[in-house]
Amino acid sequence: TFSAVIAPEEGYGQQKPELIQIMPRSAFDHI
């Protein structure tokens, strides 16, 4: 049994600003 602290770089990575986008409502017309 043990504990481990994993930094974001060794986990799921850092937040990438380019993956946050503003879309028009029309892109979701089917919902």
Full PDB file with SEQRES, HELIX, SHEET, SSBOND, CRYST1, ORIGX, SCALE, CONECT and MASTER records, all heavy atoms in Angstrom:
SEQRES   1 A   31  THR PHE SER ALA VAL ILE ALA PRO GLU GLU GLY TYR GLY          
SEQRES   2 A   31  GLN GLN LYS PRO GLU LEU ILE GLN ILE MET PRO ARG SER          
SEQRES   3 A   31  ALA PHE ASP HIS ILE                                          
HELIX    1 AA1 PRO A    8  GLU A   10  5                                   3    
HELIX    2 AA2 PRO A   17  LEU A   19  5                                   3    
HELIX    3 AA3 ARG A   25  PHE A   28  5                                   4    
CRYST1    1.000    1.000    1.000  90.00  90.00  90.00 P 1           1          
ORIGX1      1.000000  0.000000  0.000000        0.00000                         
ORIGX2      0.000000  1.000000  0.000000        0.00000                         
ORIGX3      0.000000  0.000000  1.000000        0.00000                         
SCALE1      1.000000  0.000000  0.000000        0.00000                         
SCALE2      0.000000  1.000000  0.000000        0.00000                         
SCALE3      0.000000  0.000000  1.000000        0.00000                         
ATOM      1  N   THR A   1       0.874  -1.172   0.000  1.00  0.00           N  
ATOM      2  CA  THR A   1       0.000   0.000   0.000  1.00  0.00           C  
ATOM      3  C   THR A   1       0.913   1.223   0.000  1.00  0.00           C  
ATOM      4  O   THR A   1       1.956   1.227   0.651  1.00  0.00           O  
ATOM      5  CB  THR A   1      -0.933   0.044   1.226  1.00  0.00           C  
ATOM      6  OG1 THR A   1      -0.145   0.046   2.412  1.00  0.00           O  
ATOM      7  CG2 THR A   1      -1.887  -1.149   1.241  1.00  0.00           C  
ATOM      8  N   PHE A   2       0.521   2.237  -0.750  1.00  0.00           N  
ATOM      9  CA  PHE A   2       1.346   3.440  -0.828  1.00  0.00           C  
ATOM     10  C   PHE A   2       0.521   4.612  -1.340  1.00  0.00           C  
ATOM     11  O   PHE A   2      -0.573   4.441  -1.873  1.00  0.00           O  
ATOM     12  CB  PHE A   2       2.573   3.212  -1.722  1.00  0.00           C  
ATOM     13  CG  PHE A   2       2.257   3.010  -3.177  1.00  0.00           C  
ATOM     14  CD1 PHE A   2       2.356   4.057  -4.075  1.00  0.00           C  
ATOM     15  CD2 PHE A   2       1.863   1.765  -3.655  1.00  0.00           C  
ATOM     16  CE1 PHE A   2       2.058   3.885  -5.417  1.00  0.00           C  
ATOM     17  CE2 PHE A   2       1.574   1.574  -4.988  1.00  0.00           C  
ATOM     18  CZ  PHE A   2       1.670   2.642  -5.878  1.00  0.00           C  
ATOM     19  N   SER A   3       1.088   5.799  -1.172  1.00  0.00           N  
ATOM     20  CA  SER A   3       0.506   7.031  -1.693  1.00  0.00           C  
ATOM     21  C   SER A   3       1.387   7.539  -2.820  1.00  0.00           C  
ATOM     22  O   SER A   3       2.608   7.351  -2.787  1.00  0.00           O  
ATOM     23  CB  SER A   3       0.440   8.101  -0.604  1.00  0.00           C  
ATOM     24  OG  SER A   3      -0.353   7.668   0.471  1.00  0.00           O  
ATOM     25  N   ALA A   4       0.775   8.187  -3.786  1.00  0.00           N  
ATOM     26  CA  ALA A   4       1.532   8.792  -4.887  1.00  0.00           C  
ATOM     27  C   ALA A   4       0.875  10.111  -5.251  1.00  0.00           C  
ATOM     28  O   ALA A   4      -0.346  10.184  -5.387  1.00  0.00           O  
ATOM     29  CB  ALA A   4       1.561   7.863  -6.096  1.00  0.00           C  
ATOM     30  N   VAL A   5       1.689  11.136  -5.379  1.00  0.00           N  
ATOM     31  CA  VAL A   5       1.212  12.441  -5.832  1.00  0.00           C  
ATOM     32  C   VAL A   5       1.741  12.619  -7.249  1.00  0.00           C  
ATOM     33  O   VAL A   5       2.948  12.561  -7.486  1.00  0.00           O  
ATOM     34  CB  VAL A   5       1.700  13.580  -4.917  1.00  0.00           C  
ATOM     35  CG1 VAL A   5       1.250  14.928  -5.463  1.00  0.00           C  
ATOM     36  CG2 VAL A   5       1.195  13.367  -3.492  1.00  0.00           C  
ATOM     37  N   ILE A   6       0.815  12.815  -8.182  1.00  0.00           N  
ATOM     38  CA  ILE A   6       1.165  12.892  -9.596  1.00  0.00           C  
ATOM     39  C   ILE A   6       0.913  14.315 -10.096  1.00  0.00           C  
ATOM     40  O   ILE A   6      -0.215  14.819 -10.039  1.00  0.00           O  
ATOM     41  CB  ILE A   6       0.328  11.892 -10.435  1.00  0.00           C  
ATOM     42  CG1 ILE A   6       0.358  10.473  -9.830  1.00  0.00           C  
ATOM     43  CG2 ILE A   6       0.749  11.919 -11.891  1.00  0.00           C  
ATOM     44  CD1 ILE A   6       1.717   9.839  -9.728  1.00  0.00           C  
ATOM     45  N   ALA A   7       1.967  14.956 -10.593  1.00  0.00           N  
ATOM     46  CA  ALA A   7       1.849  16.306 -11.152  1.00  0.00           C  
ATOM     47  C   ALA A   7       1.031  16.247 -12.438  1.00  0.00           C  
ATOM     48  O   ALA A   7       0.992  15.216 -13.114  1.00  0.00           O  
ATOM     49  CB  ALA A   7       3.239  16.871 -11.437  1.00  0.00           C  
ATOM     50  N   PRO A   8       0.375  17.342 -12.801  1.00  0.00           N  
ATOM     51  CA  PRO A   8      -0.429  17.348 -14.027  1.00  0.00           C  
ATOM     52  C   PRO A   8       0.326  16.860 -15.262  1.00  0.00           C  
ATOM     53  O   PRO A   8      -0.241  16.147 -16.097  1.00  0.00           O  
ATOM     54  CB  PRO A   8      -0.839  18.819 -14.181  1.00  0.00           C  
ATOM     55  CG  PRO A   8      -0.868  19.339 -12.784  1.00  0.00           C  
ATOM     56  CD  PRO A   8       0.269  18.630 -12.091  1.00  0.00           C  
ATOM     57  N   GLU A   9       1.606  17.202 -15.355  1.00  0.00           N  
ATOM     58  CA  GLU A   9       2.392  16.795 -16.529  1.00  0.00           C  
ATOM     59  C   GLU A   9       2.510  15.282 -16.645  1.00  0.00           C  
ATOM     60  O   GLU A   9       2.720  14.751 -17.733  1.00  0.00           O  
ATOM     61  CB  GLU A   9       3.803  17.407 -16.471  1.00  0.00           C  
ATOM     62  CG  GLU A   9       3.816  18.920 -16.554  1.00  0.00           C  
ATOM     63  CD  GLU A   9       3.461  19.616 -15.239  1.00  0.00           C  
ATOM     64  OE1 GLU A   9       3.422  18.969 -14.176  1.00  0.00           O  
ATOM     65  OE2 GLU A   9       3.214  20.829 -15.288  1.00  0.00           O  
ATOM     66  N   GLU A  10       2.420  14.574 -15.530  1.00  0.00           N  
ATOM     67  CA  GLU A  10       2.499  13.113 -15.522  1.00  0.00           C  
ATOM     68  C   GLU A  10       1.123  12.481 -15.338  1.00  0.00           C  
ATOM     69  O   GLU A  10       1.008  11.275 -15.149  1.00  0.00           O  
ATOM     70  CB  GLU A  10       3.435  12.642 -14.397  1.00  0.00           C  
ATOM     71  CG  GLU A  10       4.895  12.941 -14.670  1.00  0.00           C  
ATOM     72  CD  GLU A  10       5.468  12.053 -15.753  1.00  0.00           C  
ATOM     73  OE1 GLU A  10       5.339  10.824 -15.658  1.00  0.00           O  
ATOM     74  OE2 GLU A  10       6.042  12.608 -16.712  1.00  0.00           O  
ATOM     75  N   GLY A  11       0.089  13.335 -15.344  1.00  0.00           N  
ATOM     76  CA  GLY A  11      -1.287  12.870 -15.208  1.00  0.00           C  
ATOM     77  C   GLY A  11      -2.036  13.106 -16.505  1.00  0.00           C  
ATOM     78  O   GLY A  11      -1.757  12.491 -17.525  1.00  0.00           O  
ATOM     79  N   TYR A  12      -2.949  14.062 -16.468  1.00  0.00           N  
ATOM     80  CA  TYR A  12      -3.764  14.368 -17.642  1.00  0.00           C  
ATOM     81  C   TYR A  12      -3.299  15.619 -18.370  1.00  0.00           C  
ATOM     82  O   TYR A  12      -4.001  16.140 -19.227  1.00  0.00           O  
ATOM     83  CB  TYR A  12      -5.239  14.492 -17.233  1.00  0.00           C  
ATOM     84  CG  TYR A  12      -5.799  13.165 -16.797  1.00  0.00           C  
ATOM     85  CD1 TYR A  12      -5.847  12.816 -15.452  1.00  0.00           C  
ATOM     86  CD2 TYR A  12      -6.253  12.242 -17.724  1.00  0.00           C  
ATOM     87  CE1 TYR A  12      -6.342  11.584 -15.043  1.00  0.00           C  
ATOM     88  CE2 TYR A  12      -6.747  11.011 -17.337  1.00  0.00           C  
ATOM     89  CZ  TYR A  12      -6.790  10.695 -15.993  1.00  0.00           C  
ATOM     90  OH  TYR A  12      -7.264   9.477 -15.602  1.00  0.00           O  
ATOM     91  N   GLY A  13      -2.104  16.103 -18.028  1.00  0.00           N  
ATOM     92  CA  GLY A  13      -1.540  17.263 -18.702  1.00  0.00           C  
ATOM     93  C   GLY A  13      -2.074  18.570 -18.143  1.00  0.00           C  
ATOM     94  O   GLY A  13      -2.947  18.594 -17.284  1.00  0.00           O  
ATOM     95  N   GLN A  14      -1.502  19.641 -18.629  1.00  0.00           N  
ATOM     96  CA  GLN A  14      -1.964  20.974 -18.259  1.00  0.00           C  
ATOM     97  C   GLN A  14      -3.150  21.348 -19.138  1.00  0.00           C  
ATOM     98  O   GLN A  14      -3.341  20.782 -20.213  1.00  0.00           O  
ATOM     99  CB  GLN A  14      -0.843  22.002 -18.449  1.00  0.00           C  
ATOM    100  CG  GLN A  14       0.308  21.839 -17.494  1.00  0.00           C  
ATOM    101  CD  GLN A  14      -0.051  22.207 -16.057  1.00  0.00           C  
ATOM    102  OE1 GLN A  14      -1.130  22.718 -15.758  1.00  0.00           O  
ATOM    103  NE2 GLN A  14       0.869  21.932 -15.141  1.00  0.00           N  
ATOM    104  N   GLN A  15      -3.932  22.313 -18.680  1.00  0.00           N  
ATOM    105  CA  GLN A  15      -5.012  22.853 -19.508  1.00  0.00           C  
ATOM    106  C   GLN A  15      -4.390  23.487 -20.759  1.00  0.00           C  
ATOM    107  O   GLN A  15      -3.398  24.217 -20.659  1.00  0.00           O  
ATOM    108  CB  GLN A  15      -5.786  23.921 -18.732  1.00  0.00           C  
ATOM    109  CG  GLN A  15      -6.649  23.383 -17.635  1.00  0.00           C  
ATOM    110  CD  GLN A  15      -8.046  23.026 -18.121  1.00  0.00           C  
ATOM    111  OE1 GLN A  15      -8.527  23.516 -19.128  1.00  0.00           O  
ATOM    112  NE2 GLN A  15      -8.695  22.151 -17.383  1.00  0.00           N  
ATOM    113  N   LYS A  16      -4.978  23.210 -21.912  1.00  0.00           N  
ATOM    114  CA  LYS A  16      -4.534  23.814 -23.168  1.00  0.00           C  
ATOM    115  C   LYS A  16      -5.578  24.857 -23.571  1.00  0.00           C  
ATOM    116  O   LYS A  16      -6.710  24.495 -23.909  1.00  0.00           O  
ATOM    117  CB  LYS A  16      -4.388  22.750 -24.251  1.00  0.00           C  
ATOM    118  CG  LYS A  16      -3.319  21.726 -23.942  1.00  0.00           C  
ATOM    119  CD  LYS A  16      -3.253  20.663 -25.018  1.00  0.00           C  
ATOM    120  CE  LYS A  16      -2.210  19.626 -24.645  1.00  0.00           C  
ATOM    121  NZ  LYS A  16      -2.246  18.484 -25.565  1.00  0.00           N  
ATOM    122  N   PRO A  17      -5.213  26.140 -23.514  1.00  0.00           N  
ATOM    123  CA  PRO A  17      -6.182  27.198 -23.828  1.00  0.00           C  
ATOM    124  C   PRO A  17      -6.831  27.039 -25.201  1.00  0.00           C  
ATOM    125  O   PRO A  17      -7.984  27.408 -25.394  1.00  0.00           O  
ATOM    126  CB  PRO A  17      -5.353  28.483 -23.752  1.00  0.00           C  
ATOM    127  CG  PRO A  17      -4.176  28.133 -22.907  1.00  0.00           C  
ATOM    128  CD  PRO A  17      -3.908  26.671 -23.136  1.00  0.00           C  
ATOM    129  N   GLU A  18      -6.080  26.481 -26.149  1.00  0.00           N  
ATOM    130  CA  GLU A  18      -6.636  26.335 -27.504  1.00  0.00           C  
ATOM    131  C   GLU A  18      -7.783  25.332 -27.574  1.00  0.00           C  
ATOM    132  O   GLU A  18      -8.515  25.273 -28.561  1.00  0.00           O  
ATOM    133  CB  GLU A  18      -5.539  25.952 -28.512  1.00  0.00           C  
ATOM    134  CG  GLU A  18      -4.917  24.584 -28.309  1.00  0.00           C  
ATOM    135  CD  GLU A  18      -3.702  24.553 -27.376  1.00  0.00           C  
ATOM    136  OE1 GLU A  18      -3.514  25.515 -26.592  1.00  0.00           O  
ATOM    137  OE2 GLU A  18      -2.955  23.572 -27.431  1.00  0.00           O  
ATOM    138  N   LEU A  19      -7.967  24.529 -26.511  1.00  0.00           N  
ATOM    139  CA  LEU A  19      -9.079  23.571 -26.476  1.00  0.00           C  
ATOM    140  C   LEU A  19     -10.340  24.180 -25.854  1.00  0.00           C  
ATOM    141  O   LEU A  19     -11.346  23.499 -25.696  1.00  0.00           O  
ATOM    142  CB  LEU A  19      -8.670  22.303 -25.732  1.00  0.00           C  
ATOM    143  CG  LEU A  19      -7.581  21.469 -26.416  1.00  0.00           C  
ATOM    144  CD1 LEU A  19      -7.268  20.230 -25.585  1.00  0.00           C  
ATOM    145  CD2 LEU A  19      -7.981  21.094 -27.827  1.00  0.00           C  
ATOM    146  N   ILE A  20     -10.263  25.461 -25.495  1.00  0.00           N  
ATOM    147  CA  ILE A  20     -11.441  26.180 -25.012  1.00  0.00           C  
ATOM    148  C   ILE A  20     -11.855  27.132 -26.133  1.00  0.00           C  
ATOM    149  O   ILE A  20     -11.061  27.969 -26.573  1.00  0.00           O  
ATOM    150  CB  ILE A  20     -11.143  26.942 -23.703  1.00  0.00           C  
ATOM    151  CG1 ILE A  20     -10.735  25.950 -22.616  1.00  0.00           C  
ATOM    152  CG2 ILE A  20     -12.352  27.772 -23.277  1.00  0.00           C  
ATOM    153  CD1 ILE A  20     -10.261  26.584 -21.327  1.00  0.00           C  
ATOM    154  N   GLN A  21     -13.081  26.948 -26.618  1.00  0.00           N  
ATOM    155  CA  GLN A  21     -13.539  27.723 -27.771  1.00  0.00           C  
ATOM    156  C   GLN A  21     -14.958  28.233 -27.552  1.00  0.00           C  
ATOM    157  O   GLN A  21     -15.756  27.589 -26.865  1.00  0.00           O  
ATOM    158  CB  GLN A  21     -13.530  26.869 -29.034  1.00  0.00           C  
ATOM    159  CG  GLN A  21     -12.184  26.320 -29.406  1.00  0.00           C  
ATOM    160  CD  GLN A  21     -12.245  25.427 -30.632  1.00  0.00           C  
ATOM    161  OE1 GLN A  21     -13.308  25.095 -31.142  1.00  0.00           O  
ATOM    162  NE2 GLN A  21     -11.077  25.034 -31.117  1.00  0.00           N  
ATOM    163  N   ILE A  22     -15.244  29.368 -28.169  1.00  0.00           N  
ATOM    164  CA  ILE A  22     -16.599  29.895 -28.163  1.00  0.00           C  
ATOM    165  C   ILE A  22     -17.232  29.533 -29.508  1.00  0.00           C  
ATOM    166  O   ILE A  22     -16.664  29.804 -30.568  1.00  0.00           O  
ATOM    167  CB  ILE A  22     -16.608  31.420 -27.950  1.00  0.00           C  
ATOM    168  CG1 ILE A  22     -16.031  31.744 -26.569  1.00  0.00           C  
ATOM    169  CG2 ILE A  22     -18.027  31.972 -28.103  1.00  0.00           C  
ATOM    170  CD1 ILE A  22     -15.863  33.215 -26.284  1.00  0.00           C  
ATOM    171  N   MET A  23     -18.384  28.875 -29.413  1.00  0.00           N  
ATOM    172  CA  MET A  23     -19.099  28.420 -30.601  1.00  0.00           C  
ATOM    173  C   MET A  23     -20.442  29.151 -30.684  1.00  0.00           C  
ATOM    174  O   MET A  23     -21.027  29.491 -29.656  1.00  0.00           O  
ATOM    175  CB  MET A  23     -19.371  26.911 -30.518  1.00  0.00           C  
ATOM    176  CG  MET A  23     -18.171  26.049 -30.212  1.00  0.00           C  
ATOM    177  SD  MET A  23     -17.100  25.832 -31.620  1.00  0.00           S  
ATOM    178  CE  MET A  23     -18.118  24.818 -32.661  1.00  0.00           C  
ATOM    179  N   PRO A  24     -20.952  29.349 -31.906  1.00  0.00           N  
ATOM    180  CA  PRO A  24     -22.289  29.935 -32.020  1.00  0.00           C  
ATOM    181  C   PRO A  24     -23.356  28.914 -31.628  1.00  0.00           C  
ATOM    182  O   PRO A  24     -23.165  27.704 -31.795  1.00  0.00           O  
ATOM    183  CB  PRO A  24     -22.387  30.282 -33.501  1.00  0.00           C  
ATOM    184  CG  PRO A  24     -21.465  29.327 -34.177  1.00  0.00           C  
ATOM    185  CD  PRO A  24     -20.342  29.081 -33.199  1.00  0.00           C  
ATOM    186  N   ARG A  25     -24.451  29.398 -31.097  1.00  0.00           N  
ATOM    187  CA  ARG A  25     -25.570  28.527 -30.717  1.00  0.00           C  
ATOM    188  C   ARG A  25     -26.003  27.673 -31.905  1.00  0.00           C  
ATOM    189  O   ARG A  25     -26.404  26.525 -31.749  1.00  0.00           O  
ATOM    190  CB  ARG A  25     -26.742  29.384 -30.192  1.00  0.00           C  
ATOM    191  CG  ARG A  25     -28.040  28.618 -29.945  1.00  0.00           C  
ATOM    192  CD  ARG A  25     -27.842  27.647 -28.776  1.00  0.00           C  
ATOM    193  NE  ARG A  25     -29.054  26.963 -28.408  1.00  0.00           N  
ATOM    194  CZ  ARG A  25     -29.410  25.752 -28.852  1.00  0.00           C  
ATOM    195  NH1 ARG A  25     -28.667  25.110 -29.710  1.00  0.00           N  
ATOM    196  NH2 ARG A  25     -30.506  25.179 -28.424  1.00  0.00           N  
ATOM    197  N   SER A  26     -25.884  28.201 -33.114  1.00  0.00           N  
ATOM    198  CA  SER A  26     -26.304  27.480 -34.323  1.00  0.00           C  
ATOM    199  C   SER A  26     -25.525  26.166 -34.523  1.00  0.00           C  
ATOM    200  O   SER A  26     -26.021  25.259 -35.177  1.00  0.00           O  
ATOM    201  CB  SER A  26     -26.145  28.370 -35.554  1.00  0.00           C  
ATOM    202  OG  SER A  26     -24.790  28.765 -35.718  1.00  0.00           O  
ATOM    203  N   ALA A  27     -24.351  26.047 -33.932  1.00  0.00           N  
ATOM    204  CA  ALA A  27     -23.579  24.811 -34.036  1.00  0.00           C  
ATOM    205  C   ALA A  27     -24.243  23.681 -33.261  1.00  0.00           C  
ATOM    206  O   ALA A  27     -23.897  22.506 -33.431  1.00  0.00           O  
ATOM    207  CB  ALA A  27     -22.156  25.022 -33.535  1.00  0.00           C  
ATOM    208  N   PHE A  28     -25.211  24.029 -32.417  1.00  0.00           N  
ATOM    209  CA  PHE A  28     -25.911  23.041 -31.593  1.00  0.00           C  
ATOM    210  C   PHE A  28     -27.400  22.996 -31.939  1.00  0.00           C  
ATOM    211  O   PHE A  28     -28.229  22.654 -31.107  1.00  0.00           O  
ATOM    212  CB  PHE A  28     -25.738  23.382 -30.101  1.00  0.00           C  
ATOM    213  CG  PHE A  28     -24.308  23.359 -29.637  1.00  0.00           C  
ATOM    214  CD1 PHE A  28     -23.531  24.509 -29.705  1.00  0.00           C  
ATOM    215  CD2 PHE A  28     -23.741  22.199 -29.141  1.00  0.00           C  
ATOM    216  CE1 PHE A  28     -22.215  24.504 -29.280  1.00  0.00           C  
ATOM    217  CE2 PHE A  28     -22.421  22.180 -28.719  1.00  0.00           C  
ATOM    218  CZ  PHE A  28     -21.656  23.332 -28.788  1.00  0.00           C  
ATOM    219  N   ASP A  29     -27.743  23.354 -33.178  1.00  0.00           N  
ATOM    220  CA  ASP A  29     -29.153  23.414 -33.597  1.00  0.00           C  
ATOM    221  C   ASP A  29     -29.914  22.110 -33.370  1.00  0.00           C  
ATOM    222  O   ASP A  29     -31.116  22.132 -33.145  1.00  0.00           O  
ATOM    223  CB  ASP A  29     -29.270  23.806 -35.080  1.00  0.00           C  
ATOM    224  CG  ASP A  29     -29.253  25.312 -35.252  1.00  0.00           C  
ATOM    225  OD1 ASP A  29     -29.372  26.033 -34.238  1.00  0.00           O  
ATOM    226  OD2 ASP A  29     -29.124  25.761 -36.404  1.00  0.00           O  
ATOM    227  N   HIS A  30     -29.232  20.983 -33.433  1.00  0.00           N  
ATOM    228  CA  HIS A  30     -29.888  19.676 -33.285  1.00  0.00           C  
ATOM    229  C   HIS A  30     -30.246  19.363 -31.828  1.00  0.00           C  
ATOM    230  O   HIS A  30     -30.877  18.347 -31.553  1.00  0.00           O  
ATOM    231  CB  HIS A  30     -29.003  18.581 -33.871  1.00  0.00           C  
ATOM    232  CG  HIS A  30     -27.645  18.500 -33.230  1.00  0.00           C  
ATOM    233  ND1 HIS A  30     -26.656  19.424 -33.460  1.00  0.00           N  
ATOM    234  CD2 HIS A  30     -27.140  17.617 -32.351  1.00  0.00           C  
ATOM    235  CE1 HIS A  30     -25.583  19.105 -32.753  1.00  0.00           C  
ATOM    236  NE2 HIS A  30     -25.844  18.013 -32.060  1.00  0.00           N  
ATOM    237  N   ILE A  31     -29.870  20.254 -30.905  1.00  0.00           N  
ATOM    238  CA  ILE A  31     -30.145  20.027 -29.484  1.00  0.00           C  
ATOM    239  C   ILE A  31     -31.031  21.160 -28.976  1.00  0.00           C  
ATOM    240  O   ILE A  31     -30.674  22.341 -29.077  1.00  0.00           O  
ATOM    241  CB  ILE A  31     -28.837  19.956 -28.670  1.00  0.00           C  
ATOM    242  CG1 ILE A  31     -27.976  18.814 -29.216  1.00  0.00           C  
ATOM    243  CG2 ILE A  31     -29.131  19.765 -27.189  1.00  0.00           C  
ATOM    244  CD1 ILE A  31     -26.573  18.830 -28.719  1.00  0.00           C  
TER     245      ILE A  31                                                      
MASTER        0    0    0    3    0    0    0    6  244    1    0    3          
END                                                                             
